[in-house]
Each structure stands twice: as structure tokens, then as C-alpha cells.
Amino acid sequence: MALARRKVLMVGAVGLAAATTGALVALGLRRSADRSSEALQAATFVDLGGKTRHLAEWKGKIVVCNFWATWCPPCREEIPMLISVSEKMAPKGVEIVGIAIDFAAKVREFVRDYKINYPVLLAGDNGIELMRAAGNGVGGLPYTPFLDRRGRIVHQKLGALTRAEVDDQLDKMLRS
């Protein structure tokens, strides 16, 4: 009987330790996501007209924040899809915001040629560092954090998005 009781106590102790570890890991991930979200919200951008902008302008909306460059083939491939998503989802409170890691003149030409219908901002000299602070440790493109209505990153994708991925994530966010 004493041996069985010790086993139960040991199993309980292991379970408690695992639960505590899981809670601490989840808390660390949440804090990391909060820091990532704060980095994006604190960032200053410039639009193509030279006006200073902040992502906080879109609080209250779901924001698909797409970091891209004109020279990036996967970025170029996903932009027509993002234009389509913008047309379909804007009435539902979803905003696509493109953040270019590139020169203003090249971005202006690209936006005109592709007829981009959503806001495009310039990240400036610290674009790669901002992406890293926002959760993209490798600094690769394209990189897309999805922000909830309070401006918190709830999902992110490094690499080209598919329409199915975007639709799935936005459907989840619109339901919550």
C-alpha cells in the first residue's frame, strides 16, 4: 500500500512539474508575443507621400502586416493575392498593410505597376531589425504577422502566403 501511494505521489509530482513548466513556457511565449507586438506598434513608418505613419492607426481592425521588397520573387508572387484579399475583406474590418524593405522610388513604381490598393509604408533603414523584433529571427522576406483588433500578433508566416492560409487565418480571427 505504501509503495502504491508513493507511485501515485510521484506521478502527481511529475504531472505538477510538467504543468508548471508548460505554464511557464506559455507565459514566456505570451510575453515574447507581447514584446513583438509592442515593437511593431512602436515603429514609425513613412508612406509613399512622405507622411509619418504608425500601425496604431488601424487598431480596431484586423491587420495583415506584409513585409516585402520589390526584388523579392515570393513577395512579387503573393502581392496580387493580397490585393484580392484587400478588396474582399476590407468591408469586414480587415486591412492589408504592406511594409516595404526597399527604396522609395522603386516601391512607388512597383505600387503603380501592380495597382496595389492597400496602404504601403516604407520601413526605412531599420526594417530588418524591426522584422526581427517582431518575431522574424532570420530576417527573411516575405514576412507577415497577423494583428488582432488590439494590435497584438496572433499569427505569423515567414515565406510566401497562399490564399488558403490567409483565408483560414482571417476566418479564425473574424470569429474570435
C-alpha atoms as a PDB file:
ATOM      1  CA  MET A   1       0.000   0.000   0.000  1.00  0.00           C
ATOM      2  CA  ALA A   2       2.801   2.439   0.876  1.00  0.00           C
ATOM      3  CA  LEU A   3       4.548   1.650  -2.419  1.00  0.00           C
ATOM      4  CA  ALA A   4       1.379   2.307  -4.415  1.00  0.00           C
ATOM      5  CA  ARG A   5       0.891   5.579  -2.540  1.00  0.00           C
ATOM      6  CA  ARG A   6       4.469   6.674  -3.353  1.00  0.00           C
ATOM      7  CA  LYS A   7       3.889   5.897  -7.028  1.00  0.00           C
ATOM      8  CA  VAL A   8       0.729   7.985  -7.041  1.00  0.00           C
ATOM      9  CA  LEU A   9       2.548  10.854  -5.312  1.00  0.00           C
ATOM     10  CA  MET A  10       5.482  10.601  -7.731  1.00  0.00           C
ATOM     11  CA  VAL A  11       3.195  10.566 -10.753  1.00  0.00           C
ATOM     12  CA  GLY A  12       1.338  13.537  -9.292  1.00  0.00           C
ATOM     13  CA  ALA A  13       4.596  15.401  -8.674  1.00  0.00           C
ATOM     14  CA  VAL A  14       5.784  14.734 -12.231  1.00  0.00           C
ATOM     15  CA  GLY A  15       2.421  15.893 -13.572  1.00  0.00           C
ATOM     16  CA  LEU A  16       2.562  19.054 -11.464  1.00  0.00           C
ATOM     17  CA  ALA A  17       6.106  19.770 -12.640  1.00  0.00           C
ATOM     18  CA  ALA A  18       5.073  19.280 -16.269  1.00  0.00           C
ATOM     19  CA  ALA A  19       2.044  21.521 -15.851  1.00  0.00           C
ATOM     20  CA  THR A  20       4.159  24.212 -14.172  1.00  0.00           C
ATOM     21  CA  THR A  21       6.760  24.002 -16.937  1.00  0.00           C
ATOM     22  CA  GLY A  22       4.029  24.239 -19.574  1.00  0.00           C
ATOM     23  CA  ALA A  23       2.516  27.278 -17.875  1.00  0.00           C
ATOM     24  CA  LEU A  24       5.911  28.990 -17.643  1.00  0.00           C
ATOM     25  CA  VAL A  25       6.665  28.266 -21.307  1.00  0.00           C
ATOM     26  CA  ALA A  26       3.239  29.595 -22.326  1.00  0.00           C
ATOM     27  CA  LEU A  27       3.811  32.720 -20.218  1.00  0.00           C
ATOM     28  CA  GLY A  28       7.217  33.211 -21.851  1.00  0.00           C
ATOM     29  CA  LEU A  29       5.720  32.814 -25.326  1.00  0.00           C
ATOM     30  CA  ARG A  30       2.931  35.262 -24.477  1.00  0.00           C
ATOM     31  CA  ARG A  31       5.467  37.786 -23.155  1.00  0.00           C
ATOM     32  CA  SER A  32       7.573  37.280 -26.285  1.00  0.00           C
ATOM     33  CA  ALA A  33       4.496  37.836 -28.485  1.00  0.00           C
ATOM     34  CA  ASP A  34       3.631  40.936 -26.435  1.00  0.00           C
ATOM     35  CA  ARG A  35       7.168  42.316 -26.959  1.00  0.00           C
ATOM     36  CA  SER A  36       6.935  41.535 -30.673  1.00  0.00           C
ATOM     37  CA  SER A  37       3.584  43.301 -30.915  1.00  0.00           C
ATOM     38  CA  GLU A  38       4.925  46.274 -28.969  1.00  0.00           C
ATOM     39  CA  ALA A  39       7.892  46.566 -31.343  1.00  0.00           C
ATOM     40  CA  LEU A  40       5.554  46.762 -34.333  1.00  0.00           C
ATOM     41  CA  GLN A  41       3.181  49.215 -32.649  1.00  0.00           C
ATOM     42  CA  ALA A  42       6.066  51.491 -31.596  1.00  0.00           C
ATOM     43  CA  ALA A  43       7.640  51.559 -35.066  1.00  0.00           C
ATOM     44  CA  THR A  44       7.485  54.657 -37.211  1.00  0.00           C
ATOM     45  CA  PHE A  45       6.994  54.326 -40.945  1.00  0.00           C
ATOM     46  CA  VAL A  46       6.701  56.732 -43.852  1.00  0.00           C
ATOM     47  CA  ASP A  47       4.045  56.364 -46.530  1.00  0.00           C
ATOM     48  CA  LEU A  48       4.692  56.996 -50.205  1.00  0.00           C
ATOM     49  CA  GLY A  49       3.555  60.593 -49.792  1.00  0.00           C
ATOM     50  CA  GLY A  50       6.193  61.221 -47.109  1.00  0.00           C
ATOM     51  CA  LYS A  51       3.738  61.234 -44.181  1.00  0.00           C
ATOM     52  CA  THR A  52       4.785  59.579 -40.899  1.00  0.00           C
ATOM     53  CA  ARG A  53       2.555  56.613 -40.063  1.00  0.00           C
ATOM     54  CA  HIS A  54       2.089  54.068 -37.249  1.00  0.00           C
ATOM     55  CA  LEU A  55       0.258  50.734 -37.212  1.00  0.00           C
ATOM     56  CA  ALA A  56      -1.801  52.053 -34.296  1.00  0.00           C
ATOM     57  CA  GLU A  57      -3.836  53.922 -36.924  1.00  0.00           C
ATOM     58  CA  TRP A  58      -5.518  50.625 -37.714  1.00  0.00           C
ATOM     59  CA  LYS A  59      -6.282  49.499 -34.148  1.00  0.00           C
ATOM     60  CA  GLY A  60      -9.799  48.156 -34.104  1.00  0.00           C
ATOM     61  CA  LYS A  61      -9.188  46.361 -37.393  1.00  0.00           C
ATOM     62  CA  ILE A  62      -7.519  43.062 -38.140  1.00  0.00           C
ATOM     63  CA  VAL A  63      -4.231  43.898 -39.844  1.00  0.00           C
ATOM     64  CA  VAL A  64      -2.283  41.677 -42.197  1.00  0.00           C
ATOM     65  CA  CYS A  65       1.130  43.340 -41.999  1.00  0.00           C
ATOM     66  CA  ASN A  66       3.153  42.172 -45.008  1.00  0.00           C
ATOM     67  CA  PHE A  67       6.899  42.923 -45.086  1.00  0.00           C
ATOM     68  CA  TRP A  68       8.162  42.730 -48.673  1.00  0.00           C
ATOM     69  CA  ALA A  69      10.601  44.103 -51.249  1.00  0.00           C
ATOM     70  CA  THR A  70      10.395  44.765 -54.994  1.00  0.00           C
ATOM     71  CA  TRP A  71      13.397  42.500 -55.626  1.00  0.00           C
ATOM     72  CA  CYS A  72      11.907  39.516 -53.722  1.00  0.00           C
ATOM     73  CA  PRO A  73      10.330  36.918 -56.097  1.00  0.00           C
ATOM     74  CA  PRO A  74       7.993  35.309 -53.499  1.00  0.00           C
ATOM     75  CA  CYS A  75       6.873  38.803 -52.436  1.00  0.00           C
ATOM     76  CA  ARG A  76       6.044  39.690 -56.027  1.00  0.00           C
ATOM     77  CA  GLU A  77       4.054  36.454 -56.378  1.00  0.00           C
ATOM     78  CA  GLU A  78       1.875  36.982 -53.287  1.00  0.00           C
ATOM     79  CA  ILE A  79       1.014  40.663 -53.825  1.00  0.00           C
ATOM     80  CA  PRO A  80      -1.752  40.060 -56.409  1.00  0.00           C
ATOM     81  CA  MET A  81      -3.375  37.681 -53.916  1.00  0.00           C
ATOM     82  CA  LEU A  82      -3.092  40.318 -51.152  1.00  0.00           C
ATOM     83  CA  ILE A  83      -4.737  42.872 -53.469  1.00  0.00           C
ATOM     84  CA  SER A  84      -7.634  40.450 -53.929  1.00  0.00           C
ATOM     85  CA  VAL A  85      -7.866  39.771 -50.182  1.00  0.00           C
ATOM     86  CA  SER A  86      -7.916  43.515 -49.531  1.00  0.00           C
ATOM     87  CA  GLU A  87     -10.843  44.007 -51.920  1.00  0.00           C
ATOM     88  CA  LYS A  88     -12.828  41.156 -50.364  1.00  0.00           C
ATOM     89  CA  MET A  89     -12.019  41.664 -46.686  1.00  0.00           C
ATOM     90  CA  ALA A  90     -11.871  45.450 -46.220  1.00  0.00           C
ATOM     91  CA  PRO A  91     -15.653  45.652 -45.647  1.00  0.00           C
ATOM     92  CA  LYS A  92     -15.231  43.107 -42.834  1.00  0.00           C
ATOM     93  CA  GLY A  93     -12.701  45.249 -40.937  1.00  0.00           C
ATOM     94  CA  VAL A  94      -9.517  43.712 -42.328  1.00  0.00           C
ATOM     95  CA  GLU A  95      -6.664  45.929 -43.507  1.00  0.00           C
ATOM     96  CA  ILE A  96      -3.685  44.763 -45.514  1.00  0.00           C
ATOM     97  CA  VAL A  97      -0.649  46.972 -44.837  1.00  0.00           C
ATOM     98  CA  GLY A  98       2.442  46.474 -46.950  1.00  0.00           C
ATOM     99  CA  ILE A  99       5.744  47.414 -45.342  1.00  0.00           C
ATOM    100  CA  ALA A 100       8.452  47.726 -47.951  1.00  0.00           C
ATOM    101  CA  ILE A 101      12.092  46.995 -47.213  1.00  0.00           C
ATOM    102  CA  ASP A 102      13.264  48.894 -50.272  1.00  0.00           C
ATOM    103  CA  PHE A 103      13.949  52.291 -51.835  1.00  0.00           C
ATOM    104  CA  ALA A 104      11.004  54.692 -52.082  1.00  0.00           C
ATOM    105  CA  ALA A 105      11.348  55.266 -55.848  1.00  0.00           C
ATOM    106  CA  LYS A 106      11.311  51.535 -56.609  1.00  0.00           C
ATOM    107  CA  VAL A 107       8.348  50.993 -54.280  1.00  0.00           C
ATOM    108  CA  ARG A 108       6.344  53.832 -55.877  1.00  0.00           C
ATOM    109  CA  GLU A 109       6.904  52.366 -59.344  1.00  0.00           C
ATOM    110  CA  PHE A 110       6.007  48.866 -58.151  1.00  0.00           C
ATOM    111  CA  VAL A 111       2.820  50.069 -56.419  1.00  0.00           C
ATOM    112  CA  ARG A 112       1.771  51.884 -59.604  1.00  0.00           C
ATOM    113  CA  ASP A 113       2.561  48.935 -61.890  1.00  0.00           C
ATOM    114  CA  TYR A 114       0.834  46.355 -59.679  1.00  0.00           C
ATOM    115  CA  LYS A 115      -2.066  48.698 -58.807  1.00  0.00           C
ATOM    116  CA  ILE A 116      -1.722  47.954 -55.096  1.00  0.00           C
ATOM    117  CA  ASN A 117      -4.955  49.005 -53.398  1.00  0.00           C
ATOM    118  CA  TYR A 118      -3.836  48.924 -49.766  1.00  0.00           C
ATOM    119  CA  PRO A 119      -1.542  51.183 -47.720  1.00  0.00           C
ATOM    120  CA  VAL A 120       2.161  50.718 -48.451  1.00  0.00           C
ATOM    121  CA  LEU A 121       4.664  52.031 -45.938  1.00  0.00           C
ATOM    122  CA  LEU A 122       8.440  52.259 -46.040  1.00  0.00           C
ATOM    123  CA  ALA A 123      10.320  50.578 -43.206  1.00  0.00           C
ATOM    124  CA  GLY A 124      13.399  52.736 -43.606  1.00  0.00           C
ATOM    125  CA  ASP A 125      16.885  51.746 -42.547  1.00  0.00           C
ATOM    126  CA  ASN A 126      15.780  49.586 -39.619  1.00  0.00           C
ATOM    127  CA  GLY A 127      13.325  47.337 -41.476  1.00  0.00           C
ATOM    128  CA  ILE A 128      15.267  44.106 -40.967  1.00  0.00           C
ATOM    129  CA  GLU A 129      15.795  44.848 -37.258  1.00  0.00           C
ATOM    130  CA  LEU A 130      12.087  45.613 -36.900  1.00  0.00           C
ATOM    131  CA  MET A 131      11.152  42.299 -38.511  1.00  0.00           C
ATOM    132  CA  ARG A 132      13.476  40.505 -36.100  1.00  0.00           C
ATOM    133  CA  ALA A 133      11.962  42.334 -33.129  1.00  0.00           C
ATOM    134  CA  ALA A 134       8.519  41.352 -34.432  1.00  0.00           C
ATOM    135  CA  GLY A 135       9.386  37.646 -34.391  1.00  0.00           C
ATOM    136  CA  ASN A 136      11.211  37.031 -37.682  1.00  0.00           C
ATOM    137  CA  GLY A 137      14.545  35.910 -36.267  1.00  0.00           C
ATOM    138  CA  VAL A 138      16.151  35.213 -39.628  1.00  0.00           C
ATOM    139  CA  GLY A 139      15.050  38.494 -41.188  1.00  0.00           C
ATOM    140  CA  GLY A 140      13.766  36.801 -44.354  1.00  0.00           C
ATOM    141  CA  LEU A 141      11.124  38.018 -46.781  1.00  0.00           C
ATOM    142  CA  PRO A 142       8.260  37.932 -47.198  1.00  0.00           C
ATOM    143  CA  TYR A 143       7.209  38.020 -43.571  1.00  0.00           C
ATOM    144  CA  THR A 144       3.615  38.520 -42.486  1.00  0.00           C
ATOM    145  CA  PRO A 145       2.394  38.975 -38.922  1.00  0.00           C
ATOM    146  CA  PHE A 146      -1.384  38.989 -38.446  1.00  0.00           C
ATOM    147  CA  LEU A 147      -2.510  41.501 -35.816  1.00  0.00           C
ATOM    148  CA  ASP A 148      -5.778  41.243 -33.932  1.00  0.00           C
ATOM    149  CA  ARG A 149      -8.051  44.242 -33.341  1.00  0.00           C
ATOM    150  CA  ARG A 150      -5.941  45.286 -30.330  1.00  0.00           C
ATOM    151  CA  GLY A 151      -2.732  45.265 -32.363  1.00  0.00           C
ATOM    152  CA  ARG A 152      -1.333  42.010 -30.966  1.00  0.00           C
ATOM    153  CA  ILE A 153       0.428  39.495 -33.190  1.00  0.00           C
ATOM    154  CA  VAL A 154      -1.680  36.334 -33.146  1.00  0.00           C
ATOM    155  CA  HIS A 155      -0.133  34.549 -36.126  1.00  0.00           C
ATOM    156  CA  GLN A 156       2.897  35.000 -38.345  1.00  0.00           C
ATOM    157  CA  LYS A 157       4.285  33.482 -41.502  1.00  0.00           C
ATOM    158  CA  LEU A 158       7.793  33.620 -42.906  1.00  0.00           C
ATOM    159  CA  GLY A 159       7.667  32.942 -46.638  1.00  0.00           C
ATOM    160  CA  ALA A 160       5.015  33.400 -49.270  1.00  0.00           C
ATOM    161  CA  LEU A 161       1.416  33.146 -48.170  1.00  0.00           C
ATOM    162  CA  THR A 162      -1.206  31.149 -50.012  1.00  0.00           C
ATOM    163  CA  ARG A 163      -4.773  32.336 -50.369  1.00  0.00           C
ATOM    164  CA  ALA A 164      -5.945  29.331 -48.341  1.00  0.00           C
ATOM    165  CA  GLU A 165      -3.615  30.265 -45.454  1.00  0.00           C
ATOM    166  CA  VAL A 166      -4.785  33.871 -45.439  1.00  0.00           C
ATOM    167  CA  ASP A 167      -8.467  32.968 -45.687  1.00  0.00           C
ATOM    168  CA  ASP A 168      -8.141  30.352 -42.927  1.00  0.00           C
ATOM    169  CA  GLN A 169      -6.350  32.710 -40.554  1.00  0.00           C
ATOM    170  CA  LEU A 170      -8.705  35.624 -41.219  1.00  0.00           C
ATOM    171  CA  ASP A 171     -11.763  33.386 -40.759  1.00  0.00           C
ATOM    172  CA  LYS A 172     -10.414  32.337 -37.332  1.00  0.00           C
ATOM    173  CA  MET A 173      -9.679  35.930 -36.371  1.00  0.00           C
ATOM    174  CA  LEU A 174     -13.071  37.228 -37.517  1.00  0.00           C
ATOM    175  CA  ARG A 175     -14.819  34.547 -35.438  1.00  0.00           C
ATOM    176  CA  SER A 176     -12.959  35.364 -32.236  1.00  0.00           C
END
